[in-house]
Amino acid sequence: NAAPLVGGGSLPQSSQDATVSDVALRVSYEIAPDYLGYVRLDGALYDYWHTAPGETFRPNSKTYRADFGLQILPRHIVYGQVYTGYLVQTFDQSSLGSTSTPDYGGRLVWNVTPLTTLTFNGLRTFITGSFANPVTGVSGPAGNGYLASTVQAVADHELFRNLLLNANFIYENDSFQGITRTDNVYTASGGVRYLVNRHLFLGGNVTFQERTSTLPGNSYTQYVVMGRIGTQF
């Protein structure tokens, strides 16, 4: 349970083991046929199993959400849900502070034509960590973790019955806690899948990602080209 380091050696990862317990309550009301207004309350507990080397405490925390939303049932050209409310994170270790911020997100699906679908997603969530146990997925110092705000647009098109096209655009803003750092991440990708038969497909995609960070030395640009051969049953 350790990650190899460049130049030799390894870094133990057991301090990232954790249990996440989540409970949610939702009450809905049918405003009109297929249109539901709702209130959702959510609470989550992050419990790390081990103390990271160099730390005297674990970055255990609690998050709370209170949202008002609208859900459209999937019998329409556009369906899904959107919500807004408030989001709070508190650490068990008081020196790590707490964060309160507006919450918003959702998922909307638009069937533009029988062959083309657009999907829009939005989410705000806390990614936890500590100075000695930095969060994964970002380079450089990550403080006590960060608030990730993400919006995504996905386009799927059936060019032919056996040829499927896909485009994906993502914007993410990472606001770090405990340090002065803000990152913006832009991702764009395009892919194709060719169905050879009912059980075999060929595919490929190209992905571009750019991260711009206010912390020097942590900005980068990345290109990924991938080919796939897969089976499905």
Protein backbone atom coordinates (compact mmCIF):
# COMPACT_ATOMS: atom_id res chain seq x y z
CA ASN A 1 0.00 0.00 0.00
CA ALA A 2 2.76 2.40 -1.05
CA ALA A 3 3.45 4.47 -4.16
CA PRO A 4 6.90 4.32 -5.83
CA LEU A 5 8.80 7.60 -5.91
CA VAL A 6 10.83 8.98 -8.80
CA GLY A 7 14.48 8.32 -7.98
CA GLY A 8 13.70 5.34 -5.75
CA GLY A 9 11.93 4.60 -2.52
CA SER A 10 8.22 4.61 -1.80
CA LEU A 11 5.58 6.71 -0.08
CA PRO A 12 3.09 4.94 2.22
CA GLN A 13 -0.51 5.51 1.20
CA SER A 14 -2.31 3.95 4.16
CA SER A 15 -2.97 7.40 5.64
CA GLN A 16 -5.41 7.97 2.76
CA ASP A 17 -7.60 5.04 3.82
CA ALA A 18 -10.93 6.37 5.06
CA THR A 19 -14.56 5.55 5.66
CA VAL A 20 -17.21 7.92 4.28
CA SER A 21 -20.68 7.69 5.83
CA ASP A 22 -23.46 9.62 4.13
CA VAL A 23 -27.13 10.08 4.96
CA ALA A 24 -29.68 12.13 3.02
CA LEU A 25 -33.33 13.11 3.41
CA ARG A 26 -35.41 14.33 0.48
CA VAL A 27 -38.99 15.57 0.41
CA SER A 28 -40.67 16.13 -2.99
CA TYR A 29 -43.88 17.84 -4.11
CA GLU A 30 -45.45 17.55 -7.57
CA ILE A 31 -45.84 21.14 -8.75
CA ALA A 32 -47.30 20.01 -12.10
CA PRO A 33 -47.43 16.65 -13.89
CA ASP A 34 -43.82 15.37 -14.26
CA TYR A 35 -42.40 18.44 -12.45
CA LEU A 36 -41.29 17.91 -8.85
CA GLY A 37 -40.02 20.52 -6.45
CA TYR A 38 -37.93 19.13 -3.61
CA VAL A 39 -35.91 19.89 -0.50
CA ARG A 40 -32.84 17.79 0.24
CA LEU A 41 -30.77 17.62 3.42
CA ASP A 42 -27.49 15.71 3.36
CA GLY A 43 -24.73 14.98 5.87
CA ALA A 44 -21.45 13.11 5.40
CA LEU A 45 -18.73 12.01 7.81
CA TYR A 46 -15.13 11.49 6.60
CA ASP A 47 -13.19 9.26 9.01
CA TYR A 48 -9.51 8.59 8.20
CA TRP A 49 -8.14 5.35 9.63
CA HIS A 50 -4.51 6.38 10.16
CA THR A 51 -2.50 9.46 11.07
CA ALA A 52 -0.18 10.58 8.27
CA PRO A 53 3.58 10.68 8.95
CA GLY A 54 4.49 14.10 10.35
CA GLU A 55 0.96 14.78 11.62
CA THR A 56 -0.48 14.58 15.14
CA PHE A 57 -4.10 14.36 13.99
CA ARG A 58 -6.25 13.03 11.16
CA PRO A 59 -8.10 15.37 8.77
CA ASN A 60 -11.52 14.00 9.77
CA SER A 61 -14.36 16.25 8.71
CA LYS A 62 -18.11 16.60 8.29
CA THR A 63 -20.03 18.13 5.39
CA TYR A 64 -23.63 19.35 5.32
CA ARG A 65 -25.86 20.31 2.38
CA ALA A 66 -29.28 21.95 2.30
CA ASP A 67 -30.72 22.34 -1.21
CA PHE A 68 -33.92 23.31 -3.01
CA GLY A 69 -34.36 21.71 -6.42
CA LEU A 70 -36.56 21.01 -9.42
CA GLN A 71 -36.80 17.59 -11.08
CA ILE A 72 -38.27 16.95 -14.54
CA LEU A 73 -39.21 13.31 -15.08
CA PRO A 74 -37.79 11.52 -18.17
CA ARG A 75 -40.90 11.72 -20.35
CA HIS A 76 -39.84 14.96 -22.05
CA ILE A 77 -37.25 16.11 -24.57
CA VAL A 78 -35.44 17.81 -21.67
CA TYR A 79 -35.34 16.06 -18.29
CA GLY A 80 -33.20 15.85 -15.17
CA GLN A 81 -32.81 18.06 -12.11
CA VAL A 82 -31.20 21.30 -10.94
CA TYR A 83 -30.72 22.55 -7.39
CA THR A 84 -29.26 25.35 -5.32
CA GLY A 85 -28.62 25.77 -1.61
CA TYR A 86 -25.80 25.89 0.92
CA LEU A 87 -22.76 23.69 1.58
CA VAL A 88 -20.67 23.55 4.79
CA GLN A 89 -17.52 21.66 5.76
CA THR A 90 -16.14 21.51 9.33
CA PHE A 91 -12.98 19.71 10.48
CA ASP A 92 -12.75 17.86 13.79
CA GLN A 93 -9.39 19.63 14.28
CA SER A 94 -10.50 23.22 14.90
CA SER A 95 -7.18 24.66 13.67
CA LEU A 96 -8.10 23.52 10.13
CA GLY A 97 -11.08 25.87 10.14
CA SER A 98 -14.37 25.49 8.31
CA THR A 99 -15.86 26.55 4.97
CA SER A 100 -19.39 27.73 4.13
CA THR A 101 -20.37 28.39 0.53
CA PRO A 102 -23.40 28.42 -1.80
CA ASP A 103 -24.20 25.03 -3.32
CA TYR A 104 -25.50 24.38 -6.82
CA GLY A 105 -25.53 21.63 -9.41
CA GLY A 106 -27.65 19.14 -11.25
CA ARG A 107 -27.94 17.06 -14.38
CA LEU A 108 -30.00 17.90 -17.47
CA VAL A 109 -30.42 15.69 -20.54
CA TRP A 110 -31.64 17.20 -23.82
CA ASN A 111 -32.62 14.83 -26.64
CA VAL A 112 -32.05 17.31 -29.45
CA THR A 113 -32.97 14.71 -32.09
CA PRO A 114 -33.49 10.94 -31.98
CA LEU A 115 -29.77 10.65 -32.86
CA THR A 116 -28.23 13.49 -30.81
CA THR A 117 -28.20 13.96 -27.05
CA LEU A 118 -26.69 16.76 -24.97
CA THR A 119 -26.02 16.24 -21.25
CA PHE A 120 -25.13 18.99 -18.77
CA ASN A 121 -23.74 18.28 -15.29
CA GLY A 122 -22.78 20.51 -12.38
CA LEU A 123 -21.41 19.72 -8.91
CA ARG A 124 -19.67 21.32 -5.94
CA THR A 125 -17.83 19.01 -3.53
CA PHE A 126 -15.01 19.07 -0.98
CA ILE A 127 -11.85 17.03 -1.59
CA THR A 128 -10.21 16.53 1.81
CA GLY A 129 -6.59 16.14 2.86
CA SER A 130 -3.90 17.68 5.06
CA PHE A 131 -0.46 19.22 4.69
CA ALA A 132 1.31 15.92 5.46
CA ASN A 133 -1.34 13.85 3.66
CA PRO A 134 -2.07 15.85 0.49
CA VAL A 135 -5.04 14.98 -1.67
CA THR A 136 -4.44 12.99 -4.80
CA GLY A 137 -5.22 14.28 -8.28
CA VAL A 138 -3.33 17.57 -8.01
CA SER A 139 0.37 18.37 -8.12
CA GLY A 140 2.15 20.36 -5.43
CA PRO A 141 0.86 21.49 -2.01
CA ALA A 142 -2.88 21.06 -1.49
CA GLY A 143 -3.32 22.53 1.98
CA ASN A 144 -6.28 21.04 3.85
CA GLY A 145 -7.94 20.00 0.59
CA TYR A 146 -10.06 22.05 -1.77
CA LEU A 147 -13.57 22.89 -2.93
CA ALA A 148 -14.05 21.61 -6.48
CA SER A 149 -16.72 23.33 -8.60
CA THR A 150 -17.31 21.48 -11.86
CA VAL A 151 -19.51 22.02 -14.92
CA GLN A 152 -19.62 19.60 -17.83
CA ALA A 153 -21.23 19.38 -21.27
CA VAL A 154 -21.37 16.10 -23.19
CA ALA A 155 -22.58 15.56 -26.76
CA ASP A 156 -23.41 12.10 -28.12
CA HIS A 157 -24.35 11.52 -31.76
CA GLU A 158 -25.21 8.36 -33.68
CA LEU A 159 -23.72 9.04 -37.11
CA PHE A 160 -24.64 5.55 -38.29
CA ARG A 161 -26.18 2.65 -36.40
CA ASN A 162 -22.70 1.24 -35.79
CA LEU A 163 -20.70 4.49 -35.57
CA LEU A 164 -21.06 6.65 -32.43
CA LEU A 165 -19.42 10.05 -31.86
CA ASN A 166 -18.80 11.78 -28.53
CA ALA A 167 -17.53 15.19 -27.39
CA ASN A 168 -16.90 16.21 -23.78
CA PHE A 169 -16.08 19.61 -22.27
CA ILE A 170 -15.31 20.16 -18.55
CA TYR A 171 -14.43 23.24 -16.53
CA GLU A 172 -13.31 22.84 -12.92
CA ASN A 173 -12.37 25.49 -10.36
CA ASP A 174 -10.38 24.28 -7.33
CA SER A 175 -10.32 26.64 -4.33
CA PHE A 176 -7.76 25.36 -1.81
CA GLN A 177 -8.04 25.62 1.96
CA GLY A 178 -5.20 26.50 4.31
CA ILE A 179 -2.98 27.90 1.55
CA THR A 180 -3.23 30.65 -1.05
CA ARG A 181 -3.95 28.68 -4.21
CA THR A 182 -6.66 28.59 -6.87
CA ASP A 183 -6.59 26.32 -9.92
CA ASN A 184 -8.68 26.33 -13.08
CA VAL A 185 -8.81 23.15 -15.16
CA TYR A 186 -10.09 22.99 -18.75
CA THR A 187 -10.66 19.60 -20.40
CA ALA A 188 -11.89 18.85 -23.91
CA SER A 189 -12.12 15.44 -25.55
CA GLY A 190 -13.57 13.79 -28.61
CA GLY A 191 -14.11 10.12 -29.29
CA VAL A 192 -15.50 7.59 -31.71
CA ARG A 193 -16.80 4.03 -31.26
CA TYR A 194 -17.28 1.60 -34.16
CA LEU A 195 -19.49 -1.41 -33.43
CA VAL A 196 -17.99 -4.30 -35.41
CA ASN A 197 -20.79 -6.59 -34.25
CA ARG A 198 -22.99 -7.03 -31.17
CA HIS A 199 -20.04 -8.15 -29.05
CA LEU A 200 -16.96 -6.34 -30.42
CA PHE A 201 -16.20 -2.64 -30.80
CA LEU A 202 -13.25 -0.45 -31.78
CA GLY A 203 -12.79 3.03 -30.39
CA GLY A 204 -10.49 5.92 -29.78
CA ASN A 205 -10.42 9.36 -28.24
CA VAL A 206 -8.24 12.45 -27.96
CA THR A 207 -8.13 14.49 -24.74
CA PHE A 208 -6.67 17.93 -24.08
CA GLN A 209 -6.31 19.26 -20.53
CA GLU A 210 -4.88 22.52 -19.23
CA ARG A 211 -4.45 23.38 -15.56
CA THR A 212 -3.61 26.98 -14.62
CA SER A 213 -2.59 27.51 -11.01
CA THR A 214 -1.82 30.59 -8.94
CA LEU A 215 0.86 28.46 -7.22
CA PRO A 216 4.05 28.68 -9.32
CA GLY A 217 5.21 25.46 -10.94
CA ASN A 218 1.85 23.68 -10.89
CA SER A 219 0.39 24.70 -14.25
CA TYR A 220 0.57 22.23 -17.13
CA THR A 221 -0.88 21.20 -20.47
CA GLN A 222 -1.58 17.56 -21.31
CA TYR A 223 -2.55 15.68 -24.47
CA VAL A 224 -3.72 12.05 -24.38
CA VAL A 225 -4.49 9.84 -27.40
CA MET A 226 -6.08 6.46 -26.71
CA GLY A 227 -7.24 3.53 -28.81
CA ARG A 228 -9.54 0.76 -27.59
CA ILE A 229 -10.65 -2.72 -28.53
CA GLY A 230 -13.48 -3.98 -26.35
CA THR A 231 -16.17 -6.57 -25.93
CA GLN A 232 -19.72 -6.22 -24.67
CA PHE A 233 -22.42 -8.75 -23.89
